[in-house]
Amino acid sequence: MNTEQTRTELLRRRDEILAIVSKVGKHVEHRDEPLDRDAAERALELENLDALFAIDRETRFELRQINDAIERIDIGHYGYCSECGVAIGSARLAAMPYADNCIACARRHDSAALGR
């Protein structure tokens, strides 16, 4: 596994996410006019704001995951499950370079979250 290449890809993705967060923030924060008086228009505007907040929340979550992965690379723990310590499969890391759990531990977490 080439961690320098992975680090470079994570940094590139982090820059993309920071740009998205910045654009969303500017759009939400620079709203000068009040909401439309028409109920239908107001509902549409609020739906758009909800969608922007959801995008912001998801991108910030991914940003935290990426920053954590970069830190794991820097300290030499990248590619190992944070729960059981086994090596995370290369296919999993290729699909999700910020993964911090092996597939078995990830499945266990998913099952627990679903109440199984």
PDB file of N, CA and C in Angstrom:
ATOM      1  N   MET A   1       0.842  -1.182   0.000  1.00  0.00           N
ATOM      2  CA  MET A   1       0.000   0.000   0.000  1.00  0.00           C
ATOM      3  C   MET A   1       0.891   1.250   0.000  1.00  0.00           C
ATOM      4  N   ASN A   2       0.625   2.138  -0.909  1.00  0.00           N
ATOM      5  CA  ASN A   2       1.395   3.368  -1.020  1.00  0.00           C
ATOM      6  C   ASN A   2       0.682   4.470  -0.220  1.00  0.00           C
ATOM      7  N   THR A   3       1.114   4.661   1.020  1.00  0.00           N
ATOM      8  CA  THR A   3       0.417   5.623   1.878  1.00  0.00           C
ATOM      9  C   THR A   3       0.641   7.069   1.437  1.00  0.00           C
ATOM     10  N   GLU A   4       1.780   7.343   0.787  1.00  0.00           N
ATOM     11  CA  GLU A   4       2.003   8.724   0.311  1.00  0.00           C
ATOM     12  C   GLU A   4       1.007   9.082  -0.778  1.00  0.00           C
ATOM     13  N   GLN A   5       0.762   8.137  -1.675  1.00  0.00           N
ATOM     14  CA  GLN A   5      -0.233   8.373  -2.727  1.00  0.00           C
ATOM     15  C   GLN A   5      -1.625   8.538  -2.113  1.00  0.00           C
ATOM     16  N   THR A   6      -1.940   7.685  -1.141  1.00  0.00           N
ATOM     17  CA  THR A   6      -3.234   7.787  -0.460  1.00  0.00           C
ATOM     18  C   THR A   6      -3.348   9.124   0.244  1.00  0.00           C
ATOM     19  N   ARG A   7      -2.280   9.545   0.905  1.00  0.00           N
ATOM     20  CA  ARG A   7      -2.276  10.841   1.603  1.00  0.00           C
ATOM     21  C   ARG A   7      -2.543  11.975   0.623  1.00  0.00           C
ATOM     22  N   THR A   8      -1.895  11.922  -0.538  1.00  0.00           N
ATOM     23  CA  THR A   8      -2.084  12.946  -1.573  1.00  0.00           C
ATOM     24  C   THR A   8      -3.535  12.969  -2.044  1.00  0.00           C
ATOM     25  N   GLU A   9      -4.111  11.787  -2.263  1.00  0.00           N
ATOM     26  CA  GLU A   9      -5.511  11.711  -2.697  1.00  0.00           C
ATOM     27  C   GLU A   9      -6.453  12.242  -1.611  1.00  0.00           C
ATOM     28  N   LEU A  10      -6.163  11.920  -0.355  1.00  0.00           N
ATOM     29  CA  LEU A  10      -6.987  12.423   0.744  1.00  0.00           C
ATOM     30  C   LEU A  10      -6.889  13.942   0.858  1.00  0.00           C
ATOM     31  N   LEU A  11      -5.707  14.487   0.684  1.00  0.00           N
ATOM     32  CA  LEU A  11      -5.534  15.947   0.722  1.00  0.00           C
ATOM     33  C   LEU A  11      -6.298  16.624  -0.413  1.00  0.00           C
ATOM     34  N   ARG A  12      -6.274  15.993  -1.604  1.00  0.00           N
ATOM     35  CA  ARG A  12      -7.010  16.542  -2.749  1.00  0.00           C
ATOM     36  C   ARG A  12      -8.506  16.536  -2.454  1.00  0.00           C
ATOM     37  N   ARG A  13      -9.002  15.419  -1.908  1.00  0.00           N
ATOM     38  CA  ARG A  13     -10.435  15.331  -1.571  1.00  0.00           C
ATOM     39  C   ARG A  13     -10.790  16.323  -0.468  1.00  0.00           C
ATOM     40  N   ARG A  14      -9.889  16.502   0.493  1.00  0.00           N
ATOM     41  CA  ARG A  14     -10.135  17.466   1.566  1.00  0.00           C
ATOM     42  C   ARG A  14     -10.278  18.875   0.990  1.00  0.00           C
ATOM     43  N   ASP A  15      -9.446  19.222   0.032  1.00  0.00           N
ATOM     44  CA  ASP A  15      -9.563  20.538  -0.613  1.00  0.00           C
ATOM     45  C   ASP A  15     -10.904  20.693  -1.320  1.00  0.00           C
ATOM     46  N   GLU A  16     -11.359  19.621  -1.988  1.00  0.00           N
ATOM     47  CA  GLU A  16     -12.666  19.661  -2.650  1.00  0.00           C
ATOM     48  C   GLU A  16     -13.783  19.896  -1.632  1.00  0.00           C
ATOM     49  N   ILE A  17     -13.707  19.184  -0.527  1.00  0.00           N
ATOM     50  CA  ILE A  17     -14.745  19.306   0.500  1.00  0.00           C
ATOM     51  C   ILE A  17     -14.726  20.686   1.128  1.00  0.00           C
ATOM     52  N   LEU A  18     -13.545  21.215   1.394  1.00  0.00           N
ATOM     53  CA  LEU A  18     -13.462  22.561   1.967  1.00  0.00           C
ATOM     54  C   LEU A  18     -14.078  23.594   1.034  1.00  0.00           C
ATOM     55  N   ALA A  19     -13.909  23.400  -0.270  1.00  0.00           N
ATOM     56  CA  ALA A  19     -14.529  24.312  -1.240  1.00  0.00           C
ATOM     57  C   ALA A  19     -16.054  24.195  -1.188  1.00  0.00           C
ATOM     58  N   ILE A  20     -16.556  22.979  -1.069  1.00  0.00           N
ATOM     59  CA  ILE A  20     -18.006  22.772  -0.971  1.00  0.00           C
ATOM     60  C   ILE A  20     -18.545  23.418   0.295  1.00  0.00           C
ATOM     61  N   VAL A  21     -17.880  23.174   1.424  1.00  0.00           N
ATOM     62  CA  VAL A  21     -18.318  23.751   2.701  1.00  0.00           C
ATOM     63  C   VAL A  21     -18.336  25.272   2.614  1.00  0.00           C
ATOM     64  N   SER A  22     -17.331  25.843   1.977  1.00  0.00           N
ATOM     65  CA  SER A  22     -17.259  27.292   1.833  1.00  0.00           C
ATOM     66  C   SER A  22     -18.420  27.825   0.985  1.00  0.00           C
ATOM     67  N   LYS A  23     -18.689  27.162  -0.133  1.00  0.00           N
ATOM     68  CA  LYS A  23     -19.793  27.599  -1.006  1.00  0.00           C
ATOM     69  C   LYS A  23     -21.139  27.492  -0.309  1.00  0.00           C
ATOM     70  N   VAL A  24     -21.360  26.386   0.376  1.00  0.00           N
ATOM     71  CA  VAL A  24     -22.630  26.199   1.086  1.00  0.00           C
ATOM     72  C   VAL A  24     -22.769  27.265   2.165  1.00  0.00           C
ATOM     73  N   GLY A  25     -21.699  27.489   2.919  1.00  0.00           N
ATOM     74  CA  GLY A  25     -21.729  28.487   3.987  1.00  0.00           C
ATOM     75  C   GLY A  25     -22.020  29.876   3.457  1.00  0.00           C
ATOM     76  N   LYS A  26     -21.390  30.240   2.353  1.00  0.00           N
ATOM     77  CA  LYS A  26     -21.632  31.564   1.764  1.00  0.00           C
ATOM     78  C   LYS A  26     -23.082  31.698   1.314  1.00  0.00           C
ATOM     79  N   HIS A  27     -23.616  30.627   0.748  1.00  0.00           N
ATOM     80  CA  HIS A  27     -24.991  30.688   0.259  1.00  0.00           C
ATOM     81  C   HIS A  27     -25.978  30.845   1.413  1.00  0.00           C
ATOM     82  N   VAL A  28     -25.738  30.114   2.483  1.00  0.00           N
ATOM     83  CA  VAL A  28     -26.652  30.161   3.622  1.00  0.00           C
ATOM     84  C   VAL A  28     -26.495  31.457   4.405  1.00  0.00           C
ATOM     85  N   GLU A  29     -25.261  31.889   4.635  1.00  0.00           N
ATOM     86  CA  GLU A  29     -24.994  33.051   5.475  1.00  0.00           C
ATOM     87  C   GLU A  29     -25.267  34.385   4.792  1.00  0.00           C
ATOM     88  N   HIS A  30     -25.229  34.427   3.494  1.00  0.00           N
ATOM     89  CA  HIS A  30     -25.381  35.702   2.789  1.00  0.00           C
ATOM     90  C   HIS A  30     -26.783  35.907   2.248  1.00  0.00           C
ATOM     91  N   ARG A  31     -27.714  35.391   2.944  1.00  0.00           N
ATOM     92  CA  ARG A  31     -29.108  35.579   2.564  1.00  0.00           C
ATOM     93  C   ARG A  31     -29.553  36.924   3.120  1.00  0.00           C
ATOM     94  N   ASP A  32     -29.703  37.907   2.260  1.00  0.00           N
ATOM     95  CA  ASP A  32     -30.021  39.264   2.695  1.00  0.00           C
ATOM     96  C   ASP A  32     -31.516  39.526   2.823  1.00  0.00           C
ATOM     97  N   GLU A  33     -32.286  38.939   1.939  1.00  0.00           N
ATOM     98  CA  GLU A  33     -33.718  39.234   1.942  1.00  0.00           C
ATOM     99  C   GLU A  33     -34.466  38.250   2.839  1.00  0.00           C
ATOM    100  N   PRO A  34     -35.579  38.679   3.392  1.00  0.00           N
ATOM    101  CA  PRO A  34     -36.384  37.763   4.227  1.00  0.00           C
ATOM    102  C   PRO A  34     -37.026  36.695   3.345  1.00  0.00           C
ATOM    103  N   LEU A  35     -37.547  35.676   3.988  1.00  0.00           N
ATOM    104  CA  LEU A  35     -38.241  34.634   3.238  1.00  0.00           C
ATOM    105  C   LEU A  35     -39.430  35.221   2.494  1.00  0.00           C
ATOM    106  N   ASP A  36     -39.747  34.626   1.366  1.00  0.00           N
ATOM    107  CA  ASP A  36     -40.860  35.057   0.533  1.00  0.00           C
ATOM    108  C   ASP A  36     -42.163  35.009   1.343  1.00  0.00           C
ATOM    109  N   ARG A  37     -43.056  35.930   1.063  1.00  0.00           N
ATOM    110  CA  ARG A  37     -44.334  35.980   1.786  1.00  0.00           C
ATOM    111  C   ARG A  37     -45.287  34.887   1.326  1.00  0.00           C
ATOM    112  N   ASP A  38     -45.127  34.444   0.080  1.00  0.00           N
ATOM    113  CA  ASP A  38     -45.976  33.390  -0.461  1.00  0.00           C
ATOM    114  C   ASP A  38     -45.617  32.075   0.232  1.00  0.00           C
ATOM    115  N   ALA A  39     -46.625  31.389   0.768  1.00  0.00           N
ATOM    116  CA  ALA A  39     -46.395  30.168   1.547  1.00  0.00           C
ATOM    117  C   ALA A  39     -45.689  29.084   0.730  1.00  0.00           C
ATOM    118  N   ALA A  40     -46.082  28.916  -0.517  1.00  0.00           N
ATOM    119  CA  ALA A  40     -45.463  27.887  -1.361  1.00  0.00           C
ATOM    120  C   ALA A  40     -43.992  28.213  -1.622  1.00  0.00           C
ATOM    121  N   GLU A  41     -43.712  29.467  -1.928  1.00  0.00           N
ATOM    122  CA  GLU A  41     -42.325  29.891  -2.157  1.00  0.00           C
ATOM    123  C   GLU A  41     -41.491  29.763  -0.886  1.00  0.00           C
ATOM    124  N   ARG A  42     -42.093  30.129   0.240  1.00  0.00           N
ATOM    125  CA  ARG A  42     -41.394  30.037   1.524  1.00  0.00           C
ATOM    126  C   ARG A  42     -41.054  28.574   1.833  1.00  0.00           C
ATOM    127  N   ALA A  43     -42.005  27.677   1.568  1.00  0.00           N
ATOM    128  CA  ALA A  43     -41.781  26.242   1.808  1.00  0.00           C
ATOM    129  C   ALA A  43     -40.644  25.729   0.927  1.00  0.00           C
ATOM    130  N   LEU A  44     -40.616  26.179  -0.330  1.00  0.00           N
ATOM    131  CA  LEU A  44     -39.543  25.771  -1.238  1.00  0.00           C
ATOM    132  C   LEU A  44     -38.187  26.299  -0.766  1.00  0.00           C
ATOM    133  N   GLU A  45     -38.159  27.539  -0.324  1.00  0.00           N
ATOM    134  CA  GLU A  45     -36.918  28.125   0.176  1.00  0.00           C
ATOM    135  C   GLU A  45     -36.422  27.364   1.405  1.00  0.00           C
ATOM    136  N   LEU A  46     -37.342  26.996   2.293  1.00  0.00           N
ATOM    137  CA  LEU A  46     -36.958  26.249   3.492  1.00  0.00           C
ATOM    138  C   LEU A  46     -36.463  24.845   3.137  1.00  0.00           C
ATOM    139  N   GLU A  47     -37.072  24.212   2.135  1.00  0.00           N
ATOM    140  CA  GLU A  47     -36.597  22.910   1.675  1.00  0.00           C
ATOM    141  C   GLU A  47     -35.177  23.029   1.130  1.00  0.00           C
ATOM    142  N   ASN A  48     -34.931  24.094   0.369  1.00  0.00           N
ATOM    143  CA  ASN A  48     -33.591  24.314  -0.173  1.00  0.00           C
ATOM    144  C   ASN A  48     -32.573  24.512   0.951  1.00  0.00           C
ATOM    145  N   LEU A  49     -32.957  25.262   1.971  1.00  0.00           N
ATOM    146  CA  LEU A  49     -32.065  25.463   3.109  1.00  0.00           C
ATOM    147  C   LEU A  49     -31.806  24.143   3.838  1.00  0.00           C
ATOM    148  N   ASP A  50     -32.840  23.332   4.002  1.00  0.00           N
ATOM    149  CA  ASP A  50     -32.666  22.018   4.626  1.00  0.00           C
ATOM    150  C   ASP A  50     -31.683  21.168   3.829  1.00  0.00           C
ATOM    151  N   ALA A  51     -31.806  21.196   2.502  1.00  0.00           N
ATOM    152  CA  ALA A  51     -30.896  20.429   1.654  1.00  0.00           C
ATOM    153  C   ALA A  51     -29.464  20.941   1.801  1.00  0.00           C
ATOM    154  N   LEU A  52     -29.293  22.255   1.854  1.00  0.00           N
ATOM    155  CA  LEU A  52     -27.955  22.819   2.031  1.00  0.00           C
ATOM    156  C   LEU A  52     -27.361  22.434   3.378  1.00  0.00           C
ATOM    157  N   PHE A  53     -28.165  22.443   4.420  1.00  0.00           N
ATOM    158  CA  PHE A  53     -27.679  22.037   5.742  1.00  0.00           C
ATOM    159  C   PHE A  53     -27.292  20.565   5.753  1.00  0.00           C
ATOM    160  N   ALA A  54     -28.057  19.735   5.046  1.00  0.00           N
ATOM    161  CA  ALA A  54     -27.732  18.305   4.969  1.00  0.00           C
ATOM    162  C   ALA A  54     -26.415  18.097   4.223  1.00  0.00           C
ATOM    163  N   ILE A  55     -26.224  18.827   3.132  1.00  0.00           N
ATOM    164  CA  ILE A  55     -24.965  18.749   2.390  1.00  0.00           C
ATOM    165  C   ILE A  55     -23.810  19.193   3.284  1.00  0.00           C
ATOM    166  N   ASP A  56     -24.005  20.256   4.003  1.00  0.00           N
ATOM    167  CA  ASP A  56     -22.969  20.767   4.907  1.00  0.00           C
ATOM    168  C   ASP A  56     -22.629  19.723   5.973  1.00  0.00           C
ATOM    169  N   ARG A  57     -23.628  19.137   6.564  1.00  0.00           N
ATOM    170  CA  ARG A  57     -23.422  18.128   7.620  1.00  0.00           C
ATOM    171  C   ARG A  57     -22.646  16.925   7.077  1.00  0.00           C
ATOM    172  N   GLU A  58     -23.051  16.418   5.912  1.00  0.00           N
ATOM    173  CA  GLU A  58     -22.394  15.249   5.324  1.00  0.00           C
ATOM    174  C   GLU A  58     -20.959  15.553   4.908  1.00  0.00           C
ATOM    175  N   THR A  59     -20.726  16.719   4.320  1.00  0.00           N
ATOM    176  CA  THR A  59     -19.364  17.043   3.886  1.00  0.00           C
ATOM    177  C   THR A  59     -18.452  17.264   5.082  1.00  0.00           C
ATOM    178  N   ARG A  60     -18.971  17.856   6.144  1.00  0.00           N
ATOM    179  CA  ARG A  60     -18.154  18.039   7.354  1.00  0.00           C
ATOM    180  C   ARG A  60     -17.829  16.688   8.008  1.00  0.00           C
ATOM    181  N   PHE A  61     -18.768  15.748   7.957  1.00  0.00           N
ATOM    182  CA  PHE A  61     -18.513  14.407   8.477  1.00  0.00           C
ATOM    183  C   PHE A  61     -17.400  13.738   7.672  1.00  0.00           C
ATOM    184  N   GLU A  62     -17.484  13.826   6.345  1.00  0.00           N
ATOM    185  CA  GLU A  62     -16.439  13.249   5.497  1.00  0.00           C
ATOM    186  C   GLU A  62     -15.104  13.943   5.746  1.00  0.00           C
ATOM    187  N   LEU A  63     -15.137  15.236   5.957  1.00  0.00           N
ATOM    188  CA  LEU A  63     -13.914  15.983   6.250  1.00  0.00           C
ATOM    189  C   LEU A  63     -13.248  15.458   7.527  1.00  0.00           C
ATOM    190  N   ARG A  64     -14.037  15.201   8.563  1.00  0.00           N
ATOM    191  CA  ARG A  64     -13.477  14.637   9.807  1.00  0.00           C
ATOM    192  C   ARG A  64     -12.852  13.272   9.549  1.00  0.00           C
ATOM    193  N   GLN A  65     -13.519  12.444   8.752  1.00  0.00           N
ATOM    194  CA  GLN A  65     -12.988  11.124   8.443  1.00  0.00           C
ATOM    195  C   GLN A  65     -11.660  11.234   7.688  1.00  0.00           C
ATOM    196  N   ILE A  66     -11.595  12.149   6.748  1.00  0.00           N
ATOM    197  CA  ILE A  66     -10.370  12.342   5.970  1.00  0.00           C
ATOM    198  C   ILE A  66      -9.243  12.840   6.856  1.00  0.00           C
ATOM    199  N   ASN A  67      -9.530  13.826   7.700  1.00  0.00           N
ATOM    200  CA  ASN A  67      -8.501  14.337   8.606  1.00  0.00           C
ATOM    201  C   ASN A  67      -7.995  13.244   9.540  1.00  0.00           C
ATOM    202  N   ASP A  68      -8.904  12.395  10.023  1.00  0.00           N
ATOM    203  CA  ASP A  68      -8.501  11.283  10.885  1.00  0.00           C
ATOM    204  C   ASP A  68      -7.602  10.304  10.121  1.00  0.00           C
ATOM    205  N   ALA A  69      -7.937  10.020   8.859  1.00  0.00           N
ATOM    206  CA  ALA A  69      -7.129   9.102   8.050  1.00  0.00           C
ATOM    207  C   ALA A  69      -5.737   9.676   7.808  1.00  0.00           C
ATOM    208  N   ILE A  70      -5.660  10.974   7.537  1.00  0.00           N
ATOM    209  CA  ILE A  70      -4.354  11.614   7.344  1.00  0.00           C
ATOM    210  C   ILE A  70      -3.528  11.513   8.622  1.00  0.00           C
ATOM    211  N   GLU A  71      -4.173  11.707   9.750  1.00  0.00           N
ATOM    212  CA  GLU A  71      -3.463  11.581  11.029  1.00  0.00           C
ATOM    213  C   GLU A  71      -2.960  10.149  11.229  1.00  0.00           C
ATOM    214  N   ARG A  72      -3.796   9.151  10.876  1.00  0.00           N
ATOM    215  CA  ARG A  72      -3.362   7.760  11.006  1.00  0.00           C
ATOM    216  C   ARG A  72      -2.169   7.476  10.106  1.00  0.00           C
ATOM    217  N   ILE A  73      -2.156   8.058   8.902  1.00  0.00           N
ATOM    218  CA  ILE A  73      -1.000   7.906   8.012  1.00  0.00           C
ATOM    219  C   ILE A  73       0.235   8.501   8.681  1.00  0.00           C
ATOM    220  N   ASP A  74       0.082   9.705   9.216  1.00  0.00           N
ATOM    221  CA  ASP A  74       1.217  10.415   9.819  1.00  0.00           C
ATOM    222  C   ASP A  74       1.823   9.675  11.014  1.00  0.00           C
ATOM    223  N   ILE A  75       0.985   8.956  11.766  1.00  0.00           N
ATOM    224  CA  ILE A  75       1.517   8.269  12.955  1.00  0.00           C
ATOM    225  C   ILE A  75       1.774   6.780  12.699  1.00  0.00           C
ATOM    226  N   GLY A  76       1.526   6.335  11.462  1.00  0.00           N
ATOM    227  CA  GLY A  76       1.841   4.958  11.110  1.00  0.00           C
ATOM    228  C   GLY A  76       0.783   3.930  11.446  1.00  0.00           C
ATOM    229  N   HIS A  77      -0.449   4.360  11.690  1.00  0.00           N
ATOM    230  CA  HIS A  77      -1.535   3.435  12.022  1.00  0.00           C
ATOM    231  C   HIS A  77      -2.511   3.234  10.871  1.00  0.00           C
ATOM    232  N   TYR A  78      -2.239   3.834   9.733  1.00  0.00           N
ATOM    233  CA  TYR A  78      -3.160   3.751   8.604  1.00  0.00           C
ATOM    234  C   TYR A  78      -3.216   2.312   8.078  1.00  0.00           C
ATOM    235  N   GLY A  79      -4.433   1.873   7.747  1.00  0.00           N
ATOM    236  CA  GLY A  79      -4.616   0.566   7.154  1.00  0.00           C
ATOM    237  C   GLY A  79      -4.886  -0.535   8.163  1.00  0.00           C
ATOM    238  N   TYR A  80      -4.959  -0.170   9.433  1.00  0.00           N
ATOM    239  CA  TYR A  80      -5.240  -1.145  10.482  1.00  0.00           C
ATOM    240  C   TYR A  80      -6.535  -0.758  11.199  1.00  0.00           C
ATOM    241  N   CYS A  81      -7.325  -1.764  11.504  1.00  0.00           N
ATOM    242  CA  CYS A  81      -8.611  -1.546  12.157  1.00  0.00           C
ATOM    243  C   CYS A  81      -8.402  -0.907  13.528  1.00  0.00           C
ATOM    244  N   SER A  82      -9.110   0.165  13.780  1.00  0.00           N
ATOM    245  CA  SER A  82      -8.977   0.865  15.055  1.00  0.00           C
ATOM    246  C   SER A  82      -9.608   0.081  16.199  1.00  0.00           C
ATOM    247  N   GLU A  83     -10.401  -0.930  15.859  1.00  0.00           N
ATOM    248  CA  GLU A  83     -11.060  -1.714  16.903  1.00  0.00           C
ATOM    249  C   GLU A  83     -10.303  -3.005  17.218  1.00  0.00           C
ATOM    250  N   CYS A  84     -10.019  -3.813  16.188  1.00  0.00           N
ATOM    251  CA  CYS A  84      -9.402  -5.122  16.449  1.00  0.00           C
ATOM    252  C   CYS A  84      -7.928  -5.185  16.069  1.00  0.00           C
ATOM    253  N   GLY A  85      -7.452  -4.200  15.304  1.00  0.00           N
ATOM    254  CA  GLY A  85      -6.033  -4.129  14.969  1.00  0.00           C
ATOM    255  C   GLY A  85      -5.595  -4.891  13.734  1.00  0.00           C
ATOM    256  N   VAL A  86      -6.491  -5.633  13.104  1.00  0.00           N
ATOM    257  CA  VAL A  86      -6.096  -6.367  11.897  1.00  0.00           C
ATOM    258  C   VAL A  86      -5.992  -5.406  10.717  1.00  0.00           C
ATOM    259  N   ALA A  87      -5.261  -5.841   9.694  1.00  0.00           N
ATOM    260  CA  ALA A  87      -5.122  -5.024   8.493  1.00  0.00           C
ATOM    261  C   ALA A  87      -6.466  -4.908   7.783  1.00  0.00           C
ATOM    262  N   ILE A  88      -6.778  -3.708   7.351  1.00  0.00           N
ATOM    263  CA  ILE A  88      -7.999  -3.460   6.582  1.00  0.00           C
ATOM    264  C   ILE A  88      -7.702  -3.876   5.147  1.00  0.00           C
ATOM    265  N   GLY A  89      -8.614  -4.574   4.529  1.00  0.00           N
ATOM    266  CA  GLY A  89      -8.412  -5.058   3.165  1.00  0.00           C
ATOM    267  C   GLY A  89      -8.138  -3.933   2.179  1.00  0.00           C
ATOM    268  N   SER A  90      -7.265  -4.222   1.224  1.00  0.00           N
ATOM    269  CA  SER A  90      -6.885  -3.198   0.240  1.00  0.00           C
ATOM    270  C   SER A  90      -8.074  -2.767  -0.613  1.00  0.00           C
ATOM    271  N   ALA A  91      -8.992  -3.694  -0.900  1.00  0.00           N
ATOM    272  CA  ALA A  91     -10.182  -3.324  -1.687  1.00  0.00           C
ATOM    273  C   ALA A  91     -11.039  -2.336  -0.903  1.00  0.00           C
ATOM    274  N   ARG A  92     -11.159  -2.555   0.401  1.00  0.00           N
ATOM    275  CA  ARG A  92     -11.946  -1.634   1.243  1.00  0.00           C
ATOM    276  C   ARG A  92     -11.281  -0.265   1.276  1.00  0.00           C
ATOM    277  N   LEU A  93      -9.966  -0.238   1.436  1.00  0.00           N
ATOM    278  CA  LEU A  93      -9.262   1.050   1.476  1.00  0.00           C
ATOM    279  C   LEU A  93      -9.301   1.756   0.127  1.00  0.00           C
ATOM    280  N   ALA A  94      -9.298   0.978  -0.955  1.00  0.00           N
ATOM    281  CA  ALA A  94      -9.402   1.595  -2.283  1.00  0.00           C
ATOM    282  C   ALA A  94     -10.762   2.258  -2.458  1.00  0.00           C
ATOM    283  N   ALA A  95     -11.808   1.601  -1.927  1.00  0.00           N
ATOM    284  CA  ALA A  95     -13.172   2.150  -2.045  1.00  0.00           C
ATOM    285  C   ALA A  95     -13.413   3.272  -1.050  1.00  0.00           C
ATOM    286  N   MET A  96     -12.852   3.125   0.147  1.00  0.00           N
ATOM    287  CA  MET A  96     -13.046   4.103   1.230  1.00  0.00           C
ATOM    288  C   MET A  96     -11.688   4.363   1.889  1.00  0.00           C
ATOM    289  N   PRO A  97     -10.879   5.234   1.316  1.00  0.00           N
ATOM    290  CA  PRO A  97      -9.531   5.430   1.845  1.00  0.00           C
ATOM    291  C   PRO A  97      -9.480   5.958   3.273  1.00  0.00           C
ATOM    292  N   TYR A  98     -10.599   6.425   3.793  1.00  0.00           N
ATOM    293  CA  TYR A  98     -10.626   6.917   5.169  1.00  0.00           C
ATOM    294  C   TYR A  98     -11.199   5.875   6.138  1.00  0.00           C
ATOM    295  N   ALA A  99     -11.421   4.654   5.667  1.00  0.00           N
ATOM    296  CA  ALA A  99     -11.968   3.599   6.530  1.00  0.00           C
ATOM    297  C   ALA A  99     -11.027   3.366   7.709  1.00  0.00           C
ATOM    298  N   ASP A 100     -11.605   3.241   8.894  1.00  0.00           N
ATOM    299  CA  ASP A 100     -10.786   2.973  10.073  1.00  0.00           C
ATOM    300  C   ASP A 100     -11.146   1.659  10.736  1.00  0.00           C
ATOM    301  N   ASN A 101     -12.065   0.903  10.110  1.00  0.00           N
ATOM    302  CA  ASN A 101     -12.442  -0.408  10.619  1.00  0.00           C
ATOM    303  C   ASN A 101     -12.348  -1.435   9.508  1.00  0.00           C
ATOM    304  N   CYS A 102     -11.981  -2.654   9.881  1.00  0.00           N
ATOM    305  CA  CYS A 102     -12.029  -3.751   8.924  1.00  0.00           C
ATOM    306  C   CYS A 102     -13.497  -4.038   8.619  1.00  0.00           C
ATOM    307  N   ILE A 103     -13.728  -4.826   7.603  1.00  0.00           N
ATOM    308  CA  ILE A 103     -15.112  -5.081   7.190  1.00  0.00           C
ATOM    309  C   ILE A 103     -15.889  -5.813   8.279  1.00  0.00           C
ATOM    310  N   ALA A 104     -15.246  -6.715   9.007  1.00  0.00           N
ATOM    311  CA  ALA A 104     -15.948  -7.460  10.064  1.00  0.00           C
ATOM    312  C   ALA A 104     -16.410  -6.512  11.172  1.00  0.00           C
ATOM    313  N   CYS A 105     -15.544  -5.616  11.608  1.00  0.00           N
ATOM    314  CA  CYS A 105     -15.925  -4.663  12.667  1.00  0.00           C
ATOM    315  C   CYS A 105     -16.959  -3.666  12.162  1.00  0.00           C
ATOM    316  N   ALA A 106     -16.838  -3.243  10.902  1.00  0.00           N
ATOM    317  CA  ALA A 106     -17.820  -2.320  10.326  1.00  0.00           C
ATOM    318  C   ALA A 106     -19.195  -2.979  10.275  1.00  0.00           C
ATOM    319  N   ARG A 107     -19.233  -4.249   9.893  1.00  0.00           N
ATOM    320  CA  ARG A 107     -20.521  -4.961   9.851  1.00  0.00           C
ATOM    321  C   ARG A 107     -21.107  -5.095  11.253  1.00  0.00           C
ATOM    322  N   ARG A 108     -20.241  -5.357  12.224  1.00  0.00           N
ATOM    323  CA  ARG A 108     -20.705  -5.483  13.608  1.00  0.00           C
ATOM    324  C   ARG A 108     -21.308  -4.157  14.088  1.00  0.00           C
ATOM    325  N   HIS A 109     -20.662  -3.042  13.728  1.00  0.00           N
ATOM    326  CA  HIS A 109     -21.180  -1.716  14.100  1.00  0.00           C
ATOM    327  C   HIS A 109     -22.516  -1.446  13.414  1.00  0.00           C
ATOM    328  N   ASP A 110     -22.606  -1.811  12.130  1.00  0.00           N
ATOM    329  CA  ASP A 110     -23.854  -1.603  11.380  1.00  0.00           C
ATOM    330  C   ASP A 110     -24.990  -2.417  11.984  1.00  0.00           C
ATOM    331  N   SER A 111     -24.697  -3.662  12.345  1.00  0.00           N
ATOM    332  CA  SER A 111     -25.725  -4.508  12.960  1.00  0.00           C
ATOM    333  C   SER A 111     -26.171  -3.948  14.291  1.00  0.00           C
ATOM    334  N   ALA A 112     -25.225  -3.468  15.083  1.00  0.00           N
ATOM    335  CA  ALA A 112     -25.571  -2.893  16.380  1.00  0.00           C
ATOM    336  C   ALA A 112     -26.408  -1.634  16.208  1.00  0.00           C
ATOM    337  N   ALA A 113     -26.073  -0.827  15.204  1.00  0.00           N
ATOM    338  CA  ALA A 113     -26.832   0.397  14.961  1.00  0.00           C
ATOM    339  C   ALA A 113     -28.260   0.095  14.523  1.00  0.00           C
ATOM    340  N   LEU A 114     -28.423  -1.035  13.846  1.00  0.00           N
ATOM    341  CA  LEU A 114     -29.761  -1.430  13.386  1.00  0.00           C
ATOM    342  C   LEU A 114     -30.518  -2.224  14.451  1.00  0.00           C
ATOM    343  N   GLY A 115     -29.865  -2.482  15.582  1.00  0.00           N
ATOM    344  CA  GLY A 115     -30.533  -3.170  16.680  1.00  0.00           C
ATOM    345  C   GLY A 115     -30.612  -4.671  16.497  1.00  0.00           C
ATOM    346  N   ARG A 116     -29.692  -5.233  15.759  1.00  0.00           N
ATOM    347  CA  ARG A 116     -29.698  -6.690  15.522  1.00  0.00           C
ATOM    348  C   ARG A 116     -28.839  -7.407  16.518  1.00  0.00           C
TER     349      ARG A 116
END
